[in-house]
């Protein structure tokens, strides 16, 4: 059959396949090419004094494809990665396990993950996951998977810092028990107690007491509307705790009673609050 007589849909299919193969062939295949590709794309890369690239920050614009983001696996010297709105699905994060020096991972506003399982099994010491609405949007048929997303995070033996907020959330005692059991080295922990839509926050003093087994130095909390004096007693029982940071910028309007309650229990504790109207979350007053 003459080439010009081929059906249009067949020609279109052949052209699409050719373009896909060409695009893949143009992607970098080793570290030096990858660095050049990312620098051209506007990805922020930082080097140590010896000139080795150790940090990567991707702000989400211009948008990079999944295949481009997976090139991060070529940069085995990376120690810190921060990705905003990465277009990477649950089963496409294998590149993280190619990075033997990775210590800190931050993922913001990811719409393409339905659980935290992709970040399990790493050797990192610090993990931040926040505002990842894929946990809600991709679990609409099974909303309990959104509610219990934190239970899918496991096997991080070196984790000392964990920052979870907005999505995923930790609105009940089972979540606190999971964190205490799975990550016994935690020294810095941030939690958001507001339950996803359709559920209620059910944190109890006994639940918070689970955190007393951890060597926590810093505990940061958002959405503490459901907490009372008994909850503060449980927090005060974390003997290693040096600082309690309460982010009340989105409510409740007055956390003064809670602050007074825990200061009564632990007057030496550094308690910092960010109230409505403040731009930044609270920080420790001293290191």
C-alpha atoms as a PDB file:
ATOM      1  CA  UNK A   1       0.000   0.000   0.000  1.00  0.00           C
ATOM      2  CA  UNK A   2       1.471   3.409  -0.918  1.00  0.00           C
ATOM      3  CA  UNK A   3       2.499   5.500   2.058  1.00  0.00           C
ATOM      4  CA  UNK A   4       0.072   8.322   1.192  1.00  0.00           C
ATOM      5  CA  UNK A   5      -2.839   5.862   1.171  1.00  0.00           C
ATOM      6  CA  UNK A   6      -2.349   4.732   4.762  1.00  0.00           C
ATOM      7  CA  UNK A   7      -5.354   5.473   6.978  1.00  0.00           C
ATOM      8  CA  UNK A   8      -5.067   8.791   8.793  1.00  0.00           C
ATOM      9  CA  UNK A   9      -5.415   7.275  12.257  1.00  0.00           C
ATOM     10  CA  UNK A  10      -2.536   4.897  11.520  1.00  0.00           C
ATOM     11  CA  UNK A  11      -0.334   7.778  10.371  1.00  0.00           C
ATOM     12  CA  UNK A  12      -1.230   9.729  13.509  1.00  0.00           C
ATOM     13  CA  UNK A  13      -0.346   6.749  15.688  1.00  0.00           C
ATOM     14  CA  UNK A  14       3.021   6.340  13.967  1.00  0.00           C
ATOM     15  CA  UNK A  15       3.763  10.053  14.339  1.00  0.00           C
ATOM     16  CA  UNK A  16       2.877  10.046  18.059  1.00  0.00           C
ATOM     17  CA  UNK A  17       5.111   7.064  18.681  1.00  0.00           C
ATOM     18  CA  UNK A  18       7.974   8.718  16.783  1.00  0.00           C
ATOM     19  CA  UNK A  19       7.615  11.938  18.782  1.00  0.00           C
ATOM     20  CA  UNK A  20       7.543   9.998  22.066  1.00  0.00           C
ATOM     21  CA  UNK A  21      10.659   8.037  21.151  1.00  0.00           C
ATOM     22  CA  UNK A  22      12.442  11.181  20.018  1.00  0.00           C
ATOM     23  CA  UNK A  23      11.545  12.996  23.257  1.00  0.00           C
ATOM     24  CA  UNK A  24      12.825  10.105  25.349  1.00  0.00           C
ATOM     25  CA  UNK A  25      16.026   9.946  23.334  1.00  0.00           C
ATOM     26  CA  UNK A  26      16.639  13.625  24.031  1.00  0.00           C
ATOM     27  CA  UNK A  27      16.448  13.219  27.808  1.00  0.00           C
ATOM     28  CA  UNK A  28      19.772  13.171  29.664  1.00  0.00           C
ATOM     29  CA  UNK A  29      21.300   9.799  30.417  1.00  0.00           C
ATOM     30  CA  UNK A  30      23.906  10.721  33.042  1.00  0.00           C
ATOM     31  CA  UNK A  31      24.563  13.248  35.813  1.00  0.00           C
ATOM     32  CA  UNK A  32      26.354  16.014  33.910  1.00  0.00           C
ATOM     33  CA  UNK A  33      23.641  16.145  31.241  1.00  0.00           C
ATOM     34  CA  UNK A  34      20.956  16.095  33.914  1.00  0.00           C
ATOM     35  CA  UNK A  35      22.489  19.065  35.724  1.00  0.00           C
ATOM     36  CA  UNK A  36      22.597  21.059  32.498  1.00  0.00           C
ATOM     37  CA  UNK A  37      19.005  20.102  31.711  1.00  0.00           C
ATOM     38  CA  UNK A  38      17.743  21.161  35.147  1.00  0.00           C
ATOM     39  CA  UNK A  39      19.701  24.418  35.133  1.00  0.00           C
ATOM     40  CA  UNK A  40      18.194  25.301  31.751  1.00  0.00           C
ATOM     41  CA  UNK A  41      14.720  24.438  33.099  1.00  0.00           C
ATOM     42  CA  UNK A  42      15.133  26.793  36.072  1.00  0.00           C
ATOM     43  CA  UNK A  43      15.553  24.151  38.765  1.00  0.00           C
ATOM     44  CA  UNK A  44      17.535  25.605  41.672  1.00  0.00           C
ATOM     45  CA  UNK A  45      20.684  23.627  42.451  1.00  0.00           C
ATOM     46  CA  UNK A  46      23.082  24.302  45.320  1.00  0.00           C
ATOM     47  CA  UNK A  47      26.650  23.087  45.655  1.00  0.00           C
ATOM     48  CA  UNK A  48      28.918  22.526  48.637  1.00  0.00           C
ATOM     49  CA  UNK A  49      32.326  24.148  48.991  1.00  0.00           C
ATOM     50  CA  UNK A  50      33.859  21.415  46.878  1.00  0.00           C
ATOM     51  CA  UNK A  51      31.491  22.103  43.979  1.00  0.00           C
ATOM     52  CA  UNK A  52      29.340  19.022  44.472  1.00  0.00           C
ATOM     53  CA  UNK A  53      25.592  19.465  43.959  1.00  0.00           C
ATOM     54  CA  UNK A  54      23.894  18.615  47.259  1.00  0.00           C
ATOM     55  CA  UNK A  55      20.529  20.426  47.132  1.00  0.00           C
ATOM     56  CA  UNK A  56      17.739  20.603  44.573  1.00  0.00           C
ATOM     57  CA  UNK A  57      14.675  22.853  44.715  1.00  0.00           C
ATOM     58  CA  UNK A  58      11.905  22.664  42.120  1.00  0.00           C
ATOM     59  CA  UNK A  59       9.231  25.332  42.519  1.00  0.00           C
ATOM     60  CA  UNK A  60       6.718  23.837  40.103  1.00  0.00           C
ATOM     61  CA  UNK A  61       7.230  26.282  37.228  1.00  0.00           C
ATOM     62  CA  UNK A  62       7.924  25.794  34.462  1.00  0.00           C
ATOM     63  CA  UNK A  63       6.191  22.444  34.678  1.00  0.00           C
ATOM     64  CA  UNK A  64       8.461  19.431  34.331  1.00  0.00           C
ATOM     65  CA  UNK A  65       7.216  16.058  33.119  1.00  0.00           C
ATOM     66  CA  UNK A  66       7.330  12.924  35.212  1.00  0.00           C
ATOM     67  CA  UNK A  67      10.196  11.657  33.087  1.00  0.00           C
ATOM     68  CA  UNK A  68      12.173  14.841  33.689  1.00  0.00           C
ATOM     69  CA  UNK A  69      11.660  14.689  37.461  1.00  0.00           C
ATOM     70  CA  UNK A  70      12.737  11.062  37.475  1.00  0.00           C
ATOM     71  CA  UNK A  71      16.113  12.229  36.152  1.00  0.00           C
ATOM     72  CA  UNK A  72      16.811  13.339  39.718  1.00  0.00           C
ATOM     73  CA  UNK A  73      17.883   9.742  40.259  1.00  0.00           C
ATOM     74  CA  UNK A  74      21.052  10.481  38.260  1.00  0.00           C
ATOM     75  CA  UNK A  75      22.233  13.015  40.856  1.00  0.00           C
ATOM     76  CA  UNK A  76      23.516  10.624  43.504  1.00  0.00           C
ATOM     77  CA  UNK A  77      25.306  13.363  45.439  1.00  0.00           C
ATOM     78  CA  UNK A  78      22.011  14.989  46.459  1.00  0.00           C
ATOM     79  CA  UNK A  79      21.413  15.350  50.188  1.00  0.00           C
ATOM     80  CA  UNK A  80      18.298  17.539  50.131  1.00  0.00           C
ATOM     81  CA  UNK A  81      15.355  17.640  47.712  1.00  0.00           C
ATOM     82  CA  UNK A  82      12.316  19.947  47.756  1.00  0.00           C
ATOM     83  CA  UNK A  83       9.607  19.528  45.108  1.00  0.00           C
ATOM     84  CA  UNK A  84       6.533  21.713  44.698  1.00  0.00           C
ATOM     85  CA  UNK A  85       3.575  20.251  42.785  1.00  0.00           C
ATOM     86  CA  UNK A  86       5.541  17.388  41.223  1.00  0.00           C
ATOM     87  CA  UNK A  87       3.638  15.450  38.553  1.00  0.00           C
ATOM     88  CA  UNK A  88       4.690  12.041  39.864  1.00  0.00           C
ATOM     89  CA  UNK A  89       2.226   9.238  40.652  1.00  0.00           C
ATOM     90  CA  UNK A  90       2.372   6.673  43.443  1.00  0.00           C
ATOM     91  CA  UNK A  91       4.369   4.101  41.468  1.00  0.00           C
ATOM     92  CA  UNK A  92       6.786   6.579  39.865  1.00  0.00           C
ATOM     93  CA  UNK A  93       8.970   7.570  42.834  1.00  0.00           C
ATOM     94  CA  UNK A  94      11.546   4.798  42.550  1.00  0.00           C
ATOM     95  CA  UNK A  95      14.223   7.335  41.632  1.00  0.00           C
ATOM     96  CA  UNK A  96      14.403   8.414  45.284  1.00  0.00           C
ATOM     97  CA  UNK A  97      15.898   5.054  46.223  1.00  0.00           C
ATOM     98  CA  UNK A  98      18.770   5.657  43.809  1.00  0.00           C
ATOM     99  CA  UNK A  99      20.061   8.491  46.009  1.00  0.00           C
ATOM    100  CA  UNK A 100      22.334   7.028  48.715  1.00  0.00           C
ATOM    101  CA  UNK A 101      23.139  10.397  50.309  1.00  0.00           C
ATOM    102  CA  UNK A 102      19.587  11.751  50.556  1.00  0.00           C
ATOM    103  CA  UNK A 103      18.871  13.108  54.043  1.00  0.00           C
ATOM    104  CA  UNK A 104      15.949  15.525  53.660  1.00  0.00           C
ATOM    105  CA  UNK A 105      12.891  15.295  51.415  1.00  0.00           C
ATOM    106  CA  UNK A 106      10.134  17.906  51.074  1.00  0.00           C
ATOM    107  CA  UNK A 107       6.997  17.434  48.962  1.00  0.00           C
ATOM    108  CA  UNK A 108       4.421  20.239  48.673  1.00  0.00           C
ATOM    109  CA  UNK A 109       1.091  20.435  46.842  1.00  0.00           C
ATOM    110  CA  UNK A 110       1.329  17.109  45.067  1.00  0.00           C
ATOM    111  CA  UNK A 111      -1.942  16.270  43.289  1.00  0.00           C
ATOM    112  CA  UNK A 112      -0.821  12.898  41.983  1.00  0.00           C
ATOM    113  CA  UNK A 113      -0.188  10.794  45.105  1.00  0.00           C
ATOM    114  CA  UNK A 114      -2.953   8.862  46.852  1.00  0.00           C
ATOM    115  CA  UNK A 115      -0.884   7.686  49.841  1.00  0.00           C
ATOM    116  CA  UNK A 116       2.449   8.246  51.599  1.00  0.00           C
ATOM    117  CA  UNK A 117       3.766   4.800  50.713  1.00  0.00           C
ATOM    118  CA  UNK A 118       6.068   6.205  47.983  1.00  0.00           C
ATOM    119  CA  UNK A 119       8.156   7.870  50.704  1.00  0.00           C
ATOM    120  CA  UNK A 120       8.544   4.753  52.831  1.00  0.00           C
ATOM    121  CA  UNK A 121      11.716   2.713  52.849  1.00  0.00           C
ATOM    122  CA  UNK A 122      14.124   5.641  52.561  1.00  0.00           C
ATOM    123  CA  UNK A 123      17.158   6.375  54.726  1.00  0.00           C
ATOM    124  CA  UNK A 124      16.252  10.056  55.161  1.00  0.00           C
ATOM    125  CA  UNK A 125      16.354  11.836  58.514  1.00  0.00           C
ATOM    126  CA  UNK A 126      13.861  14.576  57.606  1.00  0.00           C
ATOM    127  CA  UNK A 127      10.523  14.397  55.753  1.00  0.00           C
ATOM    128  CA  UNK A 128       8.007  17.166  55.039  1.00  0.00           C
ATOM    129  CA  UNK A 129       4.712  16.484  53.250  1.00  0.00           C
ATOM    130  CA  UNK A 130       2.165  19.282  53.096  1.00  0.00           C
ATOM    131  CA  UNK A 131      -0.879  20.367  51.123  1.00  0.00           C
ATOM    132  CA  UNK A 132      -0.845  17.252  48.952  1.00  0.00           C
ATOM    133  CA  UNK A 133      -4.441  17.321  47.794  1.00  0.00           C
ATOM    134  CA  UNK A 134      -4.061  14.151  45.777  1.00  0.00           C
ATOM    135  CA  UNK A 135      -4.617  12.368  49.093  1.00  0.00           C
ATOM    136  CA  UNK A 136      -8.136  13.793  49.059  1.00  0.00           C
ATOM    137  CA  UNK A 137      -8.950  14.001  45.359  1.00  0.00           C
ATOM    138  CA  UNK A 138      -7.691  10.558  44.382  1.00  0.00           C
ATOM    139  CA  UNK A 139      -9.438   8.884  47.318  1.00  0.00           C
ATOM    140  CA  UNK A 140     -12.944  10.237  46.830  1.00  0.00           C
ATOM    141  CA  UNK A 141     -14.305   6.726  46.402  1.00  0.00           C
ATOM    142  CA  UNK A 142     -12.511   5.615  49.590  1.00  0.00           C
ATOM    143  CA  UNK A 143     -12.310   8.717  51.836  1.00  0.00           C
ATOM    144  CA  UNK A 144     -10.956   6.656  54.744  1.00  0.00           C
ATOM    145  CA  UNK A 145      -7.718   6.339  52.761  1.00  0.00           C
ATOM    146  CA  UNK A 146      -7.371  10.107  52.962  1.00  0.00           C
ATOM    147  CA  UNK A 147      -8.236  10.101  56.661  1.00  0.00           C
ATOM    148  CA  UNK A 148      -5.661   7.371  57.376  1.00  0.00           C
ATOM    149  CA  UNK A 149      -2.971   8.389  54.895  1.00  0.00           C
ATOM    150  CA  UNK A 150      -0.371   8.706  57.655  1.00  0.00           C
ATOM    151  CA  UNK A 151      -0.702   4.979  58.360  1.00  0.00           C
ATOM    152  CA  UNK A 152       0.822   4.251  54.927  1.00  0.00           C
ATOM    153  CA  UNK A 153       4.120   5.871  55.938  1.00  0.00           C
ATOM    154  CA  UNK A 154       6.525   3.245  57.311  1.00  0.00           C
ATOM    155  CA  UNK A 155      10.120   2.032  57.346  1.00  0.00           C
ATOM    156  CA  UNK A 156      12.095   5.238  57.824  1.00  0.00           C
ATOM    157  CA  UNK A 157      14.658   4.013  60.359  1.00  0.00           C
ATOM    158  CA  UNK A 158      16.690   7.233  60.525  1.00  0.00           C
ATOM    159  CA  UNK A 159      13.823   9.712  60.722  1.00  0.00           C
ATOM    160  CA  UNK A 160      14.291  12.427  63.356  1.00  0.00           C
ATOM    161  CA  UNK A 161      12.147  15.194  61.816  1.00  0.00           C
ATOM    162  CA  UNK A 162       8.621  14.765  60.438  1.00  0.00           C
ATOM    163  CA  UNK A 163       6.459  17.630  59.218  1.00  0.00           C
ATOM    164  CA  UNK A 164       2.875  16.755  58.182  1.00  0.00           C
ATOM    165  CA  UNK A 165       0.277  19.454  57.594  1.00  0.00           C
ATOM    166  CA  UNK A 166      -2.986  20.273  55.788  1.00  0.00           C
ATOM    167  CA  UNK A 167      -2.837  17.057  53.811  1.00  0.00           C
ATOM    168  CA  UNK A 168      -1.931  14.590  55.320  1.00  0.00           C
ATOM    169  CA  UNK A 169      -3.613  15.108  58.678  1.00  0.00           C
ATOM    170  CA  UNK A 170      -3.495  13.238  61.967  1.00  0.00           C
ATOM    171  CA  UNK A 171      -6.914  13.634  63.610  1.00  0.00           C
ATOM    172  CA  UNK A 172      -7.069  10.584  65.870  1.00  0.00           C
ATOM    173  CA  UNK A 173      -5.149   8.550  68.413  1.00  0.00           C
ATOM    174  CA  UNK A 174      -4.340   5.703  66.014  1.00  0.00           C
ATOM    175  CA  UNK A 175      -2.280   8.115  63.947  1.00  0.00           C
ATOM    176  CA  UNK A 176      -0.286   9.256  66.977  1.00  0.00           C
ATOM    177  CA  UNK A 177       0.301   5.670  68.069  1.00  0.00           C
ATOM    178  CA  UNK A 178       1.516   4.798  64.562  1.00  0.00           C
ATOM    179  CA  UNK A 179       4.037   7.633  64.538  1.00  0.00           C
ATOM    180  CA  UNK A 180       5.350   6.740  67.971  1.00  0.00           C
ATOM    181  CA  UNK A 181       5.753   3.067  67.057  1.00  0.00           C
ATOM    182  CA  UNK A 182       7.165   3.516  63.571  1.00  0.00           C
ATOM    183  CA  UNK A 183       9.565   6.406  64.142  1.00  0.00           C
ATOM    184  CA  UNK A 184      11.061   6.069  67.629  1.00  0.00           C
ATOM    185  CA  UNK A 185      13.897   8.543  66.917  1.00  0.00           C
ATOM    186  CA  UNK A 186      11.673  11.571  66.264  1.00  0.00           C
ATOM    187  CA  UNK A 187      12.963  14.783  67.810  1.00  0.00           C
ATOM    188  CA  UNK A 188      10.967  17.303  65.760  1.00  0.00           C
ATOM    189  CA  UNK A 189       7.315  16.671  64.870  1.00  0.00           C
ATOM    190  CA  UNK A 190       4.614  18.824  63.269  1.00  0.00           C
ATOM    191  CA  UNK A 191       0.984  17.688  63.106  1.00  0.00           C
ATOM    192  CA  UNK A 192      -2.314  19.045  61.815  1.00  0.00           C
ATOM    193  CA  UNK A 193      -5.241  17.823  63.942  1.00  0.00           C
ATOM    194  CA  UNK A 194      -8.057  19.025  61.686  1.00  0.00           C
ATOM    195  CA  UNK A 195      -9.931  16.011  60.330  1.00  0.00           C
ATOM    196  CA  UNK A 196     -10.672  15.718  56.605  1.00  0.00           C
ATOM    197  CA  UNK A 197     -14.205  16.584  55.544  1.00  0.00           C
ATOM    198  CA  UNK A 198     -16.663  13.933  56.664  1.00  0.00           C
ATOM    199  CA  UNK A 199     -14.665  12.958  59.742  1.00  0.00           C
ATOM    200  CA  UNK A 200     -14.144  14.356  63.236  1.00  0.00           C
ATOM    201  CA  UNK A 201     -11.024  15.050  65.240  1.00  0.00           C
ATOM    202  CA  UNK A 202     -10.853  12.591  68.128  1.00  0.00           C
ATOM    203  CA  UNK A 203      -7.467  13.200  69.755  1.00  0.00           C
ATOM    204  CA  UNK A 204      -7.540  12.232  73.444  1.00  0.00           C
ATOM    205  CA  UNK A 205      -5.028  12.840  76.244  1.00  0.00           C
ATOM    206  CA  UNK A 206      -4.211   9.115  76.128  1.00  0.00           C
ATOM    207  CA  UNK A 207      -3.437   9.455  72.449  1.00  0.00           C
ATOM    208  CA  UNK A 208      -1.092  12.357  73.034  1.00  0.00           C
ATOM    209  CA  UNK A 209       0.560  10.391  75.825  1.00  0.00           C
ATOM    210  CA  UNK A 210       1.834   7.993  73.132  1.00  0.00           C
ATOM    211  CA  UNK A 211       4.248  10.730  72.127  1.00  0.00           C
ATOM    212  CA  UNK A 212       5.874  10.569  75.556  1.00  0.00           C
ATOM    213  CA  UNK A 213       7.939   7.596  74.369  1.00  0.00           C
ATOM    214  CA  UNK A 214       9.663   9.757  71.764  1.00  0.00           C
ATOM    215  CA  UNK A 215      12.799  11.886  72.326  1.00  0.00           C
ATOM    216  CA  UNK A 216      10.901  14.943  71.088  1.00  0.00           C
ATOM    217  CA  UNK A 217      12.522  18.326  71.472  1.00  0.00           C
ATOM    218  CA  UNK A 218      10.088  20.296  69.298  1.00  0.00           C
ATOM    219  CA  UNK A 219       6.352  19.668  68.844  1.00  0.00           C
ATOM    220  CA  UNK A 220       4.414  21.870  66.394  1.00  0.00           C
ATOM    221  CA  UNK A 221       0.623  21.736  66.219  1.00  0.00           C
ATOM    222  CA  UNK A 222      -2.058  23.164  63.936  1.00  0.00           C
ATOM    223  CA  UNK A 223      -5.818  23.212  64.477  1.00  0.00           C
ATOM    224  CA  UNK A 224      -5.841  22.611  68.232  1.00  0.00           C
ATOM    225  CA  UNK A 225      -9.514  23.556  68.687  1.00  0.00           C
ATOM    226  CA  UNK A 226     -10.346  20.198  70.229  1.00  0.00           C
ATOM    227  CA  UNK A 227      -7.597  20.292  72.858  1.00  0.00           C
ATOM    228  CA  UNK A 228      -8.141  21.155  76.512  1.00  0.00           C
ATOM    229  CA  UNK A 229      -6.190  21.234  79.780  1.00  0.00           C
ATOM    230  CA  UNK A 230      -6.000  17.431  79.991  1.00  0.00           C
ATOM    231  CA  UNK A 231      -4.364  17.316  76.572  1.00  0.00           C
ATOM    232  CA  UNK A 232      -1.796  19.845  77.772  1.00  0.00           C
ATOM    233  CA  UNK A 233      -0.986  17.629  80.744  1.00  0.00           C
ATOM    234  CA  UNK A 234      -0.224  14.796  78.321  1.00  0.00           C
ATOM    235  CA  UNK A 235       2.034  17.047  76.234  1.00  0.00           C
ATOM    236  CA  UNK A 236       3.764  18.279  79.376  1.00  0.00           C
ATOM    237  CA  UNK A 237       4.585  14.640  80.078  1.00  0.00           C
ATOM    238  CA  UNK A 238       6.981  14.549  77.108  1.00  0.00           C
ATOM    239  CA  UNK A 239      10.024  14.897  79.326  1.00  0.00           C
ATOM    240  CA  UNK A 240      12.493  15.725  76.528  1.00  0.00           C
ATOM    241  CA  UNK A 241      10.312  18.506  75.081  1.00  0.00           C
ATOM    242  CA  UNK A 242      11.974  21.905  74.826  1.00  0.00           C
ATOM    243  CA  UNK A 243       9.542  23.830  72.598  1.00  0.00           C
ATOM    244  CA  UNK A 244       5.819  23.747  71.789  1.00  0.00           C
ATOM    245  CA  UNK A 245       4.818  25.710  68.699  1.00  0.00           C
ATOM    246  CA  UNK A 246       1.107  26.375  68.126  1.00  0.00           C
ATOM    247  CA  UNK A 247       0.007  27.626  64.713  1.00  0.00           C
ATOM    248  CA  UNK A 248      -3.357  29.307  65.353  1.00  0.00           C
ATOM    249  CA  UNK A 249      -3.413  31.498  62.257  1.00  0.00           C
ATOM    250  CA  UNK A 250      -6.501  29.653  60.992  1.00  0.00           C
ATOM    251  CA  UNK A 251      -8.087  29.150  64.420  1.00  0.00           C
ATOM    252  CA  UNK A 252      -8.954  28.859  67.213  1.00  0.00           C
ATOM    253  CA  UNK A 253      -9.065  32.617  67.872  1.00  0.00           C
ATOM    254  CA  UNK A 254      -7.654  32.397  71.391  1.00  0.00           C
ATOM    255  CA  UNK A 255      -5.228  29.757  72.618  1.00  0.00           C
ATOM    256  CA  UNK A 256      -4.330  31.685  75.766  1.00  0.00           C
ATOM    257  CA  UNK A 257      -6.002  29.122  78.098  1.00  0.00           C
ATOM    258  CA  UNK A 258      -4.056  26.282  76.480  1.00  0.00           C
ATOM    259  CA  UNK A 259      -0.783  28.163  76.761  1.00  0.00           C
ATOM    260  CA  UNK A 260      -1.471  29.025  80.396  1.00  0.00           C
ATOM    261  CA  UNK A 261      -2.327  25.403  81.115  1.00  0.00           C
ATOM    262  CA  UNK A 262       0.903  23.932  79.796  1.00  0.00           C
ATOM    263  CA  UNK A 263       3.042  26.742  81.203  1.00  0.00           C
ATOM    264  CA  UNK A 264       1.642  25.849  84.582  1.00  0.00           C
ATOM    265  CA  UNK A 265       2.813  22.277  84.073  1.00  0.00           C
ATOM    266  CA  UNK A 266       6.135  23.120  82.418  1.00  0.00           C
ATOM    267  CA  UNK A 267       7.138  26.753  83.143  1.00  0.00           C
ATOM    268  CA  UNK A 268      10.534  26.267  81.492  1.00  0.00           C
ATOM    269  CA  UNK A 269       8.991  25.180  78.178  1.00  0.00           C
ATOM    270  CA  UNK A 270       9.438  27.505  75.206  1.00  0.00           C
ATOM    271  CA  UNK A 271       5.845  28.018  74.009  1.00  0.00           C
ATOM    272  CA  UNK A 272       5.350  30.100  70.861  1.00  0.00           C
ATOM    273  CA  UNK A 273       2.044  30.933  69.163  1.00  0.00           C
ATOM    274  CA  UNK A 274       1.257  32.386  65.724  1.00  0.00           C
ATOM    275  CA  UNK A 275      -2.170  34.051  65.803  1.00  0.00           C
ATOM    276  CA  UNK A 276      -4.573  35.136  63.087  1.00  0.00           C
ATOM    277  CA  UNK A 277      -3.058  37.748  60.823  1.00  0.00           C
ATOM    278  CA  UNK A 278       0.515  36.630  61.272  1.00  0.00           C
ATOM    279  CA  UNK A 279       2.230  35.593  58.051  1.00  0.00           C
ATOM    280  CA  UNK A 280       4.626  32.957  59.271  1.00  0.00           C
ATOM    281  CA  UNK A 281       4.283  29.898  61.503  1.00  0.00           C
ATOM    282  CA  UNK A 282       5.750  30.122  65.010  1.00  0.00           C
ATOM    283  CA  UNK A 283       9.443  29.523  65.592  1.00  0.00           C
ATOM    284  CA  UNK A 284      11.485  28.657  68.646  1.00  0.00           C
ATOM    285  CA  UNK A 285      12.699  31.644  70.584  1.00  0.00           C
ATOM    286  CA  UNK A 286      16.030  29.932  71.086  1.00  0.00           C
ATOM    287  CA  UNK A 287      17.943  27.038  69.564  1.00  0.00           C
END
